[in-house]
Structures are given as C-alpha cells and as structure tokens.
Amino acid sequence: MQNRREFIQQSAAAAAFVGLGGLSLQSCNRVETKRITILHTNDVHSQIDPLPVSNKRYPGLGGFARRASVIHQVRQQNPNTLLLDAGDIFQGTPYFNYYGGELEFKLMSKLEYDIATLGNHDFDNGIEGFLAQLPHATFDFVSANYDFKNTALDGLVKPYKVIVKDGIKIGVFGLGVALEGLVKKDLYKETKYLDPIEIAQQTTKTLKEQEQCDLVICLSHIGYEYKNNPEIVSDIKLAKATQDIDLIIGGHTHTLLPKPTVMQNAAGKEVLINQCGKSGVYMGQVDFYFNNDGSKTAEGRSILV
C-alpha cells in the first residue's frame, strides 16, 4: 500500500470526471440538473477514536467525531447525499469486545447512515450477537447473496433498498464474501452463500426493469482484486461480468484508492469502483450529475478524515 504522502499527492488530482455510458476521464462542460452525492466508508473495524498518535502511517487521524464534521460539511453543500458502509463495522478495538457492536451502531445512527452491508467480521459475535445490536441501528442492512432464510436474520436483511433523492431513484444492493473457511460455521450457522455475480445480474435486472432505478449501487464486501488468485470473485471481476451497476463501493481488502477505478462492464459501459482503506481514516465521495439530455456524469475522490 502506498504511503500517506504519495496518496495525498495523488488525491489532490483525484476528482476526475467520468461520463457514464461512453465514459472517459475528462473535464466536462455540463449543464447540471440534479446532483446526487454518495459518501461511503468500509472496514471501519470499531475504530471509534482517532488512531493513536504513535501510529506510523496515520497518527491521530480518523475517528467518528471528525467523520461527523466531514459528513456535515458535505450535506451542507448538497442535501441530496446518501451515506453508505460496505461492511466490517465490527472488530478491531476494545470497544467491540466490551459493547459488542452497540456503540458502532449508535454512532452510525447519529451520523444518519442510510444503508450498510455485512462484512465477515460482522459475524464475529454470531448471528445472535448481530441481531442483538440491530435495535441500535436506524439504518438498513442489505445483502443479496447471503440467504438468511433459516436464521434469526430472516426478513431483517433485505437484498436491496430503493431510496429517492430529488426525484432520482437509487437502488442499493449488497454482496458478501464467501464465509466458509473465513468465519466459524457456528457463527454464521445456516446462512447460505450464493454466487455474487449471478445474484448481481438478477438483482440489477430487478432494480432497472421493475424498480426503474436511475442509479444502481453495489455495496460489496468481496474484495477489490486478487492478483495472486484471479479465480476468486472480486469487484474487478464483478464489474466486468455484469451490467447496469453504476458504482461498486468495495470493502474487505482494505484497498485505498485516490479516485474511483473505471471499468468496462459486460455491455461495454463504464462502472466505477471505489474503496477507501480501513479504520475510517479516509471516506469516499462520488458525485453523480444527471443532465437535461438524459446523460449522467460522475466525479470521485477520497477524503482524509
């Protein structure tokens, strides 16, 4: 992973415009009609406070209080803002060991998160442990490829959710990593893992054709890329193999991107992939612009917290 100075230098030029569906990195002269802002986090791992000043990479950075300030500033600039998380909310500091996730959910609720998905560490206290904390979450959880039918989470975690902002229909669905071999069976119990690419194709078809969504976002906790094992499903593979996803917000691999990666999907259209490291040191921001001529463009960046 690059060091902080290199990352900040890259991030200074990271707000790259992309025109979705014929997309290239460009500076756009556009007639803005509606702007939707997506703020996102991933792999926060119970990092409530800033990192210690003794941390060699990110001394004193991050923390929920600073994140709240960033979120407030962005919402002031654009009230049509969606706040999302791509999983691994739990595990990593004594706050989780002591409170079991209660504090994380309460603080995310105060920050008014809209939707999150589950990462593998969100099973660390088992299905029952996750369920016990759900009353503290005012936001929704989505996961399309975890079948919770025979578990206590049946009906509580939906495949997707549709939110309308300024007349723009936004469909958000979740995908999780394979749990077998990663999480103990007695923690996830009868949860069934379904093929993420197949499920994504089905879900995006529903979101586009039945729900008539203008913007489709995948909250992914499957990992950005596995160069040493390309057979593993990743965000890169997901983007190439599917269509109708506009933005993949990733997690699991703790990948820090100064700006979204632009990929061509199975239909030859562009899809953005973004992920912002771990521990809440960075947040991701992607702005979508819906223009009078029916086109949409986007720009993205990472924000140091």
C-alpha atoms as a PDB file:
ATOM      1  CA  MET A   1       0.000   0.000   0.000  1.00  0.00           C
ATOM      2  CA  GLN A   2       1.304   3.477  -0.835  1.00  0.00           C
ATOM      3  CA  ASN A   3       2.418   5.796   1.945  1.00  0.00           C
ATOM      4  CA  ARG A   4       0.327   8.705   3.122  1.00  0.00           C
ATOM      5  CA  ARG A   5       2.318  11.438   1.329  1.00  0.00           C
ATOM      6  CA  GLU A   6       2.092   9.658  -2.048  1.00  0.00           C
ATOM      7  CA  PHE A   7      -1.607   9.086  -1.530  1.00  0.00           C
ATOM      8  CA  ILE A   8      -2.341  12.731  -0.677  1.00  0.00           C
ATOM      9  CA  GLN A   9      -0.388  13.886  -3.729  1.00  0.00           C
ATOM     10  CA  GLN A  10      -2.468  11.614  -5.926  1.00  0.00           C
ATOM     11  CA  SER A  11      -5.663  12.621  -4.153  1.00  0.00           C
ATOM     12  CA  ALA A  12      -5.070  16.282  -4.937  1.00  0.00           C
ATOM     13  CA  ALA A  13      -5.949  15.454  -8.544  1.00  0.00           C
ATOM     14  CA  ALA A  14      -8.392  12.710  -7.731  1.00  0.00           C
ATOM     15  CA  ALA A  15     -11.673  14.441  -8.563  1.00  0.00           C
ATOM     16  CA  ALA A  16     -11.826  13.025 -12.072  1.00  0.00           C
ATOM     17  CA  PHE A  17     -14.967  13.455 -14.124  1.00  0.00           C
ATOM     18  CA  VAL A  18     -16.424  10.429 -15.851  1.00  0.00           C
ATOM     19  CA  GLY A  19     -19.369  10.295 -18.217  1.00  0.00           C
ATOM     20  CA  LEU A  20     -21.256   7.078 -17.556  1.00  0.00           C
ATOM     21  CA  GLY A  21     -22.057   5.077 -20.659  1.00  0.00           C
ATOM     22  CA  GLY A  22     -19.351   6.318 -23.033  1.00  0.00           C
ATOM     23  CA  LEU A  23     -17.202   7.313 -20.183  1.00  0.00           C
ATOM     24  CA  SER A  24     -13.714   8.704 -20.158  1.00  0.00           C
ATOM     25  CA  LEU A  25     -11.711  10.667 -17.624  1.00  0.00           C
ATOM     26  CA  GLN A  26     -12.321  14.220 -18.670  1.00  0.00           C
ATOM     27  CA  SER A  27     -13.163  17.711 -17.587  1.00  0.00           C
ATOM     28  CA  CYS A  28     -16.809  18.126 -18.527  1.00  0.00           C
ATOM     29  CA  ASN A  29     -18.680  21.186 -19.642  1.00  0.00           C
ATOM     30  CA  ARG A  30     -22.082  20.092 -18.463  1.00  0.00           C
ATOM     31  CA  VAL A  31     -25.489  21.509 -17.753  1.00  0.00           C
ATOM     32  CA  GLU A  32     -26.183  20.278 -14.232  1.00  0.00           C
ATOM     33  CA  THR A  33     -29.765  19.461 -13.452  1.00  0.00           C
ATOM     34  CA  LYS A  34     -29.552  17.218 -10.407  1.00  0.00           C
ATOM     35  CA  ARG A  35     -26.606  16.170  -8.250  1.00  0.00           C
ATOM     36  CA  ILE A  36     -26.553  13.082  -6.044  1.00  0.00           C
ATOM     37  CA  THR A  37     -23.639  12.711  -3.620  1.00  0.00           C
ATOM     38  CA  ILE A  38     -22.559   9.303  -2.323  1.00  0.00           C
ATOM     39  CA  LEU A  39     -20.444   9.307   0.836  1.00  0.00           C
ATOM     40  CA  HIS A  40     -19.090   5.959   1.951  1.00  0.00           C
ATOM     41  CA  THR A  41     -16.907   4.052   4.403  1.00  0.00           C
ATOM     42  CA  ASN A  42     -15.671   0.475   4.640  1.00  0.00           C
ATOM     43  CA  ASP A  43     -13.781  -1.724   7.113  1.00  0.00           C
ATOM     44  CA  VAL A  44     -14.000   0.793   9.954  1.00  0.00           C
ATOM     45  CA  HIS A  45     -13.374  -2.098  12.394  1.00  0.00           C
ATOM     46  CA  SER A  46     -14.750  -0.455  15.546  1.00  0.00           C
ATOM     47  CA  GLN A  47     -12.323   2.473  15.289  1.00  0.00           C
ATOM     48  CA  ILE A  48     -14.348   4.920  17.371  1.00  0.00           C
ATOM     49  CA  ASP A  49     -11.486   7.240  18.359  1.00  0.00           C
ATOM     50  CA  PRO A  50      -8.779   8.674  16.094  1.00  0.00           C
ATOM     51  CA  LEU A  51      -5.815   6.376  15.603  1.00  0.00           C
ATOM     52  CA  PRO A  52      -3.100   6.768  18.243  1.00  0.00           C
ATOM     53  CA  VAL A  53      -0.504   9.471  17.638  1.00  0.00           C
ATOM     54  CA  SER A  54       2.041   6.658  17.765  1.00  0.00           C
ATOM     55  CA  ASN A  55       0.568   5.128  14.597  1.00  0.00           C
ATOM     56  CA  LYS A  56       3.324   5.311  11.987  1.00  0.00           C
ATOM     57  CA  ARG A  57       1.069   5.622   8.951  1.00  0.00           C
ATOM     58  CA  TYR A  58      -1.880   7.710  10.162  1.00  0.00           C
ATOM     59  CA  PRO A  59      -1.002   9.324  13.517  1.00  0.00           C
ATOM     60  CA  GLY A  60      -4.061  10.832  15.203  1.00  0.00           C
ATOM     61  CA  LEU A  61      -6.270  10.565  12.100  1.00  0.00           C
ATOM     62  CA  GLY A  62      -9.827   9.288  11.688  1.00  0.00           C
ATOM     63  CA  GLY A  63     -12.433   8.805  14.392  1.00  0.00           C
ATOM     64  CA  PHE A  64     -16.209   9.242  14.462  1.00  0.00           C
ATOM     65  CA  ALA A  65     -16.127  12.873  15.637  1.00  0.00           C
ATOM     66  CA  ARG A  66     -14.025  14.031  12.670  1.00  0.00           C
ATOM     67  CA  ARG A  67     -16.100  11.899  10.320  1.00  0.00           C
ATOM     68  CA  ALA A  68     -19.227  13.648  11.602  1.00  0.00           C
ATOM     69  CA  SER A  69     -17.691  17.011  10.652  1.00  0.00           C
ATOM     70  CA  VAL A  70     -16.890  15.801   7.121  1.00  0.00           C
ATOM     71  CA  ILE A  71     -20.406  14.433   6.672  1.00  0.00           C
ATOM     72  CA  HIS A  72     -21.958  17.675   7.937  1.00  0.00           C
ATOM     73  CA  GLN A  73     -19.896  19.760   5.513  1.00  0.00           C
ATOM     74  CA  VAL A  74     -20.801  17.596   2.521  1.00  0.00           C
ATOM     75  CA  ARG A  75     -24.500  17.608   3.422  1.00  0.00           C
ATOM     76  CA  GLN A  76     -24.383  21.392   3.746  1.00  0.00           C
ATOM     77  CA  GLN A  77     -23.054  21.545   0.192  1.00  0.00           C
ATOM     78  CA  ASN A  78     -25.604  19.039  -1.115  1.00  0.00           C
ATOM     79  CA  PRO A  79     -28.607  17.844   0.920  1.00  0.00           C
ATOM     80  CA  ASN A  80     -29.138  15.077  -1.656  1.00  0.00           C
ATOM     81  CA  THR A  81     -26.436  12.954  -0.047  1.00  0.00           C
ATOM     82  CA  LEU A  82     -26.513   9.221   0.634  1.00  0.00           C
ATOM     83  CA  LEU A  83     -24.273   7.754   3.385  1.00  0.00           C
ATOM     84  CA  LEU A  84     -23.289   4.095   2.947  1.00  0.00           C
ATOM     85  CA  ASP A  85     -20.988   1.485   4.508  1.00  0.00           C
ATOM     86  CA  ALA A  86     -19.510  -1.615   2.839  1.00  0.00           C
ATOM     87  CA  GLY A  87     -19.098  -3.831   5.897  1.00  0.00           C
ATOM     88  CA  ASP A  88     -16.720  -4.936   8.645  1.00  0.00           C
ATOM     89  CA  ILE A  89     -18.210  -2.423  11.035  1.00  0.00           C
ATOM     90  CA  PHE A  90     -17.261  -4.702  13.952  1.00  0.00           C
ATOM     91  CA  GLN A  91     -13.993  -5.969  15.451  1.00  0.00           C
ATOM     92  CA  GLY A  92     -10.658  -4.259  15.920  1.00  0.00           C
ATOM     93  CA  THR A  93     -10.720  -2.278  19.178  1.00  0.00           C
ATOM     94  CA  PRO A  94     -11.764  -2.936  22.798  1.00  0.00           C
ATOM     95  CA  TYR A  95     -14.983  -1.009  22.133  1.00  0.00           C
ATOM     96  CA  PHE A  96     -16.282  -4.021  20.243  1.00  0.00           C
ATOM     97  CA  ASN A  97     -15.026  -6.516  22.810  1.00  0.00           C
ATOM     98  CA  TYR A  98     -16.824  -4.640  25.584  1.00  0.00           C
ATOM     99  CA  TYR A  99     -20.002  -3.335  23.916  1.00  0.00           C
ATOM    100  CA  GLY A 100     -20.459  -5.984  21.213  1.00  0.00           C
ATOM    101  CA  GLY A 101     -21.271  -3.509  18.432  1.00  0.00           C
ATOM    102  CA  GLU A 102     -23.790  -1.355  20.294  1.00  0.00           C
ATOM    103  CA  LEU A 103     -21.583   1.739  20.205  1.00  0.00           C
ATOM    104  CA  GLU A 104     -20.800   1.370  16.498  1.00  0.00           C
ATOM    105  CA  PHE A 105     -24.486   1.149  15.533  1.00  0.00           C
ATOM    106  CA  LYS A 106     -25.492   4.015  17.826  1.00  0.00           C
ATOM    107  CA  LEU A 107     -22.828   6.324  16.413  1.00  0.00           C
ATOM    108  CA  MET A 108     -23.600   5.382  12.813  1.00  0.00           C
ATOM    109  CA  SER A 109     -27.255   6.123  13.551  1.00  0.00           C
ATOM    110  CA  LYS A 110     -26.317   9.558  14.938  1.00  0.00           C
ATOM    111  CA  LEU A 111     -24.381  10.212  11.736  1.00  0.00           C
ATOM    112  CA  GLU A 112     -27.547   9.171   9.857  1.00  0.00           C
ATOM    113  CA  TYR A 113     -26.162   6.386   7.741  1.00  0.00           C
ATOM    114  CA  ASP A 114     -28.704   5.217   5.165  1.00  0.00           C
ATOM    115  CA  ILE A 115     -27.615   1.668   4.285  1.00  0.00           C
ATOM    116  CA  ALA A 116     -24.834  -0.799   5.112  1.00  0.00           C
ATOM    117  CA  THR A 117     -23.915  -4.338   4.145  1.00  0.00           C
ATOM    118  CA  LEU A 118     -22.367  -7.112   6.238  1.00  0.00           C
ATOM    119  CA  GLY A 119     -18.696  -7.999   6.234  1.00  0.00           C
ATOM    120  CA  ASN A 120     -17.245 -11.243   7.539  1.00  0.00           C
ATOM    121  CA  HIS A 121     -16.268  -9.640  10.875  1.00  0.00           C
ATOM    122  CA  ASP A 122     -19.845  -8.558  11.442  1.00  0.00           C
ATOM    123  CA  PHE A 123     -20.450 -12.239  12.245  1.00  0.00           C
ATOM    124  CA  ASP A 124     -17.777 -12.289  14.978  1.00  0.00           C
ATOM    125  CA  ASN A 125     -20.377 -12.423  17.764  1.00  0.00           C
ATOM    126  CA  GLY A 126     -22.537 -14.767  15.726  1.00  0.00           C
ATOM    127  CA  ILE A 127     -25.934 -14.277  14.136  1.00  0.00           C
ATOM    128  CA  GLU A 128     -27.466 -13.737  17.575  1.00  0.00           C
ATOM    129  CA  GLY A 129     -24.841 -11.141  18.507  1.00  0.00           C
ATOM    130  CA  PHE A 130     -25.531  -9.160  15.347  1.00  0.00           C
ATOM    131  CA  LEU A 131     -29.278  -9.462  15.884  1.00  0.00           C
ATOM    132  CA  ALA A 132     -28.968  -8.193  19.465  1.00  0.00           C
ATOM    133  CA  GLN A 133     -27.415  -4.948  18.188  1.00  0.00           C
ATOM    134  CA  LEU A 134     -29.853  -4.311  15.332  1.00  0.00           C
ATOM    135  CA  PRO A 135     -32.290  -2.289  17.501  1.00  0.00           C
ATOM    136  CA  HIS A 136     -29.492   0.290  17.878  1.00  0.00           C
ATOM    137  CA  ALA A 137     -29.284   0.781  14.090  1.00  0.00           C
ATOM    138  CA  THR A 138     -31.678   3.254  12.476  1.00  0.00           C
ATOM    139  CA  PHE A 139     -30.239   2.388   9.055  1.00  0.00           C
ATOM    140  CA  ASP A 140     -30.921  -0.674   6.886  1.00  0.00           C
ATOM    141  CA  PHE A 141     -28.719  -3.653   6.070  1.00  0.00           C
ATOM    142  CA  VAL A 142     -28.743  -5.175   2.588  1.00  0.00           C
ATOM    143  CA  SER A 143     -27.218  -8.407   1.301  1.00  0.00           C
ATOM    144  CA  ALA A 144     -28.394 -10.124  -1.862  1.00  0.00           C
ATOM    145  CA  ASN A 145     -26.084 -13.157  -1.849  1.00  0.00           C
ATOM    146  CA  TYR A 146     -26.443 -14.165   1.804  1.00  0.00           C
ATOM    147  CA  ASP A 147     -29.568 -16.286   2.164  1.00  0.00           C
ATOM    148  CA  PHE A 148     -30.685 -15.881   5.787  1.00  0.00           C
ATOM    149  CA  LYS A 149     -33.878 -17.912   5.369  1.00  0.00           C
ATOM    150  CA  ASN A 150     -33.109 -20.442   8.110  1.00  0.00           C
ATOM    151  CA  THR A 151     -31.524 -17.975  10.530  1.00  0.00           C
ATOM    152  CA  ALA A 152     -32.671 -15.345  13.023  1.00  0.00           C
ATOM    153  CA  LEU A 153     -31.898 -12.645  10.435  1.00  0.00           C
ATOM    154  CA  ASP A 154     -34.545 -13.912   8.009  1.00  0.00           C
ATOM    155  CA  GLY A 155     -36.513 -10.919   6.772  1.00  0.00           C
ATOM    156  CA  LEU A 156     -34.354  -8.416   8.637  1.00  0.00           C
ATOM    157  CA  VAL A 157     -31.633  -8.116   5.989  1.00  0.00           C
ATOM    158  CA  LYS A 158     -33.093  -7.332   2.571  1.00  0.00           C
ATOM    159  CA  PRO A 159     -31.414  -7.968  -0.804  1.00  0.00           C
ATOM    160  CA  TYR A 160     -31.698  -4.290  -1.754  1.00  0.00           C
ATOM    161  CA  LYS A 161     -33.291  -0.978  -0.892  1.00  0.00           C
ATOM    162  CA  VAL A 162     -34.521   1.848  -3.131  1.00  0.00           C
ATOM    163  CA  ILE A 163     -34.171   5.460  -1.982  1.00  0.00           C
ATOM    164  CA  VAL A 164     -35.425   8.527  -3.853  1.00  0.00           C
ATOM    165  CA  LYS A 165     -33.403  11.751  -3.695  1.00  0.00           C
ATOM    166  CA  ASP A 166     -34.572  14.828  -5.637  1.00  0.00           C
ATOM    167  CA  GLY A 167     -36.695  12.591  -7.872  1.00  0.00           C
ATOM    168  CA  ILE A 168     -33.735  10.286  -8.654  1.00  0.00           C
ATOM    169  CA  LYS A 169     -34.369   6.612  -7.867  1.00  0.00           C
ATOM    170  CA  ILE A 170     -31.312   4.977  -6.313  1.00  0.00           C
ATOM    171  CA  GLY A 171     -31.143   1.208  -5.876  1.00  0.00           C
ATOM    172  CA  VAL A 172     -28.585  -0.135  -3.403  1.00  0.00           C
ATOM    173  CA  PHE A 173     -27.847  -3.850  -3.007  1.00  0.00           C
ATOM    174  CA  GLY A 174     -25.245  -5.776  -1.027  1.00  0.00           C
ATOM    175  CA  LEU A 175     -22.803  -8.601  -1.738  1.00  0.00           C
ATOM    176  CA  GLY A 176     -20.728 -10.517   0.805  1.00  0.00           C
ATOM    177  CA  VAL A 177     -17.599 -12.645   0.738  1.00  0.00           C
ATOM    178  CA  ALA A 178     -17.731 -16.445   0.992  1.00  0.00           C
ATOM    179  CA  LEU A 179     -17.935 -17.276   4.705  1.00  0.00           C
ATOM    180  CA  GLU A 180     -16.767 -20.892   4.677  1.00  0.00           C
ATOM    181  CA  GLY A 181     -13.178 -21.105   5.874  1.00  0.00           C
ATOM    182  CA  LEU A 182     -13.221 -17.425   6.845  1.00  0.00           C
ATOM    183  CA  VAL A 183     -15.836 -17.458   9.607  1.00  0.00           C
ATOM    184  CA  LYS A 184     -16.587 -20.308  12.003  1.00  0.00           C
ATOM    185  CA  LYS A 185     -19.683 -22.240  10.994  1.00  0.00           C
ATOM    186  CA  ASP A 186     -21.304 -21.858  14.411  1.00  0.00           C
ATOM    187  CA  LEU A 187     -21.196 -18.078  13.981  1.00  0.00           C
ATOM    188  CA  TYR A 188     -22.975 -17.807  10.630  1.00  0.00           C
ATOM    189  CA  LYS A 189     -24.975 -21.025  11.105  1.00  0.00           C
ATOM    190  CA  GLU A 190     -27.359 -21.782   8.205  1.00  0.00           C
ATOM    191  CA  THR A 191     -26.537 -18.661   6.212  1.00  0.00           C
ATOM    192  CA  LYS A 192     -26.140 -19.703   2.573  1.00  0.00           C
ATOM    193  CA  TYR A 193     -23.575 -18.023   0.338  1.00  0.00           C
ATOM    194  CA  LEU A 194     -24.824 -17.501  -3.223  1.00  0.00           C
ATOM    195  CA  ASP A 195     -22.679 -16.710  -6.270  1.00  0.00           C
ATOM    196  CA  PRO A 196     -22.201 -12.918  -6.230  1.00  0.00           C
ATOM    197  CA  ILE A 197     -22.008 -12.456  -9.997  1.00  0.00           C
ATOM    198  CA  GLU A 198     -25.151 -14.472 -10.668  1.00  0.00           C
ATOM    199  CA  ILE A 199     -27.034 -12.715  -7.861  1.00  0.00           C
ATOM    200  CA  ALA A 200     -25.803  -9.296  -9.015  1.00  0.00           C
ATOM    201  CA  GLN A 201     -27.127  -9.944 -12.521  1.00  0.00           C
ATOM    202  CA  GLN A 202     -30.539 -10.909 -11.147  1.00  0.00           C
ATOM    203  CA  THR A 203     -30.698  -8.043  -8.683  1.00  0.00           C
ATOM    204  CA  THR A 204     -29.625  -5.327 -11.099  1.00  0.00           C
ATOM    205  CA  LYS A 205     -32.202  -6.530 -13.611  1.00  0.00           C
ATOM    206  CA  THR A 206     -34.859  -6.159 -10.936  1.00  0.00           C
ATOM    207  CA  LEU A 207     -33.604  -2.716  -9.955  1.00  0.00           C
ATOM    208  CA  LYS A 208     -33.520  -1.446 -13.543  1.00  0.00           C
ATOM    209  CA  GLU A 209     -36.592  -3.104 -15.032  1.00  0.00           C
ATOM    210  CA  GLN A 210     -39.017  -3.450 -12.125  1.00  0.00           C
ATOM    211  CA  GLU A 211     -37.907  -0.692  -9.759  1.00  0.00           C
ATOM    212  CA  GLN A 212     -36.971   1.674 -12.618  1.00  0.00           C
ATOM    213  CA  CYS A 213     -33.852   2.914 -10.826  1.00  0.00           C
ATOM    214  CA  ASP A 214     -31.825   5.753 -12.312  1.00  0.00           C
ATOM    215  CA  LEU A 215     -28.719   4.830 -10.324  1.00  0.00           C
ATOM    216  CA  VAL A 216     -27.615   1.361  -9.153  1.00  0.00           C
ATOM    217  CA  ILE A 217     -25.026   0.960  -6.395  1.00  0.00           C
ATOM    218  CA  CYS A 218     -23.478  -2.254  -5.106  1.00  0.00           C
ATOM    219  CA  LEU A 219     -22.194  -2.351  -1.528  1.00  0.00           C
ATOM    220  CA  SER A 220     -19.577  -5.056  -1.895  1.00  0.00           C
ATOM    221  CA  HIS A 221     -17.585  -6.874   0.746  1.00  0.00           C
ATOM    222  CA  ILE A 222     -15.957  -9.332  -1.644  1.00  0.00           C
ATOM    223  CA  GLY A 223     -12.621  -7.551  -2.141  1.00  0.00           C
ATOM    224  CA  TYR A 224     -11.164  -5.268  -4.818  1.00  0.00           C
ATOM    225  CA  GLU A 225      -8.843  -7.682  -6.666  1.00  0.00           C
ATOM    226  CA  TYR A 226      -6.846 -10.866  -6.062  1.00  0.00           C
ATOM    227  CA  LYS A 227      -3.870 -10.754  -8.410  1.00  0.00           C
ATOM    228  CA  ASN A 228      -2.327 -13.905  -6.960  1.00  0.00           C
ATOM    229  CA  ASN A 229      -5.594 -15.804  -7.313  1.00  0.00           C
ATOM    230  CA  PRO A 230      -7.623 -14.306 -10.185  1.00  0.00           C
ATOM    231  CA  GLU A 231     -10.237 -17.077  -9.937  1.00  0.00           C
ATOM    232  CA  ILE A 232     -11.646 -15.525  -6.762  1.00  0.00           C
ATOM    233  CA  VAL A 233     -14.616 -13.247  -7.409  1.00  0.00           C
ATOM    234  CA  SER A 234     -13.637  -9.614  -6.804  1.00  0.00           C
ATOM    235  CA  ASP A 235     -15.001  -6.159  -7.538  1.00  0.00           C
ATOM    236  CA  ILE A 236     -12.924  -6.046 -10.723  1.00  0.00           C
ATOM    237  CA  LYS A 237     -14.395  -9.355 -11.919  1.00  0.00           C
ATOM    238  CA  LEU A 238     -17.882  -8.302 -10.843  1.00  0.00           C
ATOM    239  CA  ALA A 239     -17.668  -5.078 -12.835  1.00  0.00           C
ATOM    240  CA  LYS A 240     -16.531  -6.881 -16.000  1.00  0.00           C
ATOM    241  CA  ALA A 241     -19.086  -9.698 -15.783  1.00  0.00           C
ATOM    242  CA  THR A 242     -22.266  -7.692 -15.075  1.00  0.00           C
ATOM    243  CA  GLN A 243     -24.192  -4.748 -16.417  1.00  0.00           C
ATOM    244  CA  ASP A 244     -26.360  -1.944 -15.026  1.00  0.00           C
ATOM    245  CA  ILE A 245     -24.195  -1.299 -11.948  1.00  0.00           C
ATOM    246  CA  ASP A 246     -23.104   2.336 -11.876  1.00  0.00           C
ATOM    247  CA  LEU A 247     -20.957   2.219  -8.739  1.00  0.00           C
ATOM    248  CA  ILE A 248     -19.357  -0.581  -6.714  1.00  0.00           C
ATOM    249  CA  ILE A 249     -18.413   0.539  -3.209  1.00  0.00           C
ATOM    250  CA  GLY A 250     -15.945  -2.063  -2.012  1.00  0.00           C
ATOM    251  CA  GLY A 251     -14.524  -3.464   1.185  1.00  0.00           C
ATOM    252  CA  HIS A 252     -12.683  -6.455   2.679  1.00  0.00           C
ATOM    253  CA  THR A 253      -9.251  -5.960   1.038  1.00  0.00           C
ATOM    254  CA  HIS A 254      -8.640  -2.547   2.702  1.00  0.00           C
ATOM    255  CA  THR A 255      -7.725  -1.111  -0.698  1.00  0.00           C
ATOM    256  CA  LEU A 256      -7.058   2.628  -0.677  1.00  0.00           C
ATOM    257  CA  LEU A 257      -7.968   4.295  -3.970  1.00  0.00           C
ATOM    258  CA  PRO A 258      -7.257   8.012  -4.508  1.00  0.00           C
ATOM    259  CA  LYS A 259     -10.067   8.082  -7.068  1.00  0.00           C
ATOM    260  CA  PRO A 260     -12.568   5.541  -8.414  1.00  0.00           C
ATOM    261  CA  THR A 261     -11.353   2.882 -10.825  1.00  0.00           C
ATOM    262  CA  VAL A 262     -13.200   2.973 -14.150  1.00  0.00           C
ATOM    263  CA  MET A 263     -14.005  -0.405 -15.740  1.00  0.00           C
ATOM    264  CA  GLN A 264     -15.998  -1.530 -18.760  1.00  0.00           C
ATOM    265  CA  ASN A 265     -18.892  -3.821 -17.922  1.00  0.00           C
ATOM    266  CA  ALA A 266     -20.304  -6.717 -19.949  1.00  0.00           C
ATOM    267  CA  ALA A 267     -22.334  -4.280 -22.068  1.00  0.00           C
ATOM    268  CA  GLY A 268     -19.344  -2.066 -22.857  1.00  0.00           C
ATOM    269  CA  LYS A 269     -20.467   0.679 -20.483  1.00  0.00           C
ATOM    270  CA  GLU A 270     -18.436   2.147 -17.659  1.00  0.00           C
ATOM    271  CA  VAL A 271     -18.802   1.274 -13.997  1.00  0.00           C
ATOM    272  CA  LEU A 272     -16.956   2.919 -11.116  1.00  0.00           C
ATOM    273  CA  ILE A 273     -15.278   1.022  -8.276  1.00  0.00           C
ATOM    274  CA  ASN A 274     -14.233   2.802  -5.095  1.00  0.00           C
ATOM    275  CA  GLN A 275     -12.785   1.724  -1.747  1.00  0.00           C
ATOM    276  CA  CYS A 276     -11.095   3.793   0.950  1.00  0.00           C
ATOM    277  CA  GLY A 277      -8.725   1.710   3.028  1.00  0.00           C
ATOM    278  CA  LYS A 278      -9.635   0.847   6.615  1.00  0.00           C
ATOM    279  CA  SER A 279     -10.296   2.208  10.107  1.00  0.00           C
ATOM    280  CA  GLY A 280     -12.181   5.279   8.886  1.00  0.00           C
ATOM    281  CA  VAL A 281      -9.021   7.250   8.088  1.00  0.00           C
ATOM    282  CA  TYR A 282     -10.485   8.061   4.672  1.00  0.00           C
ATOM    283  CA  MET A 283     -14.021   8.421   3.353  1.00  0.00           C
ATOM    284  CA  GLY A 284     -15.056   8.082  -0.268  1.00  0.00           C
ATOM    285  CA  GLN A 285     -17.164  10.639  -2.115  1.00  0.00           C
ATOM    286  CA  VAL A 286     -18.713  10.120  -5.543  1.00  0.00           C
ATOM    287  CA  ASP A 287     -20.952  12.784  -7.108  1.00  0.00           C
ATOM    288  CA  PHE A 288     -23.356  11.884  -9.899  1.00  0.00           C
ATOM    289  CA  TYR A 289     -24.754  14.603 -12.167  1.00  0.00           C
ATOM    290  CA  PHE A 290     -27.994  13.945 -14.060  1.00  0.00           C
ATOM    291  CA  ASN A 291     -28.198  16.208 -17.080  1.00  0.00           C
ATOM    292  CA  ASN A 292     -31.063  17.598 -19.166  1.00  0.00           C
ATOM    293  CA  ASP A 293     -30.127  15.461 -22.159  1.00  0.00           C
ATOM    294  CA  GLY A 294     -30.569  12.254 -20.152  1.00  0.00           C
ATOM    295  CA  SER A 295     -26.846  11.614 -19.693  1.00  0.00           C
ATOM    296  CA  LYS A 296     -25.076  11.343 -16.374  1.00  0.00           C
ATOM    297  CA  THR A 297     -21.512  12.071 -15.351  1.00  0.00           C
ATOM    298  CA  ALA A 298     -19.623  11.464 -12.144  1.00  0.00           C
ATOM    299  CA  GLU A 299     -16.579  12.597 -10.175  1.00  0.00           C
ATOM    300  CA  GLY A 300     -14.964  10.922  -7.204  1.00  0.00           C
ATOM    301  CA  ARG A 301     -12.344  11.455  -4.545  1.00  0.00           C
ATOM    302  CA  SER A 302     -11.091  10.164  -1.227  1.00  0.00           C
ATOM    303  CA  ILE A 303     -11.316  12.441   1.817  1.00  0.00           C
ATOM    304  CA  LEU A 304      -8.716  12.340   4.579  1.00  0.00           C
ATOM    305  CA  VAL A 305     -10.549  12.358   7.922  1.00  0.00           C
END
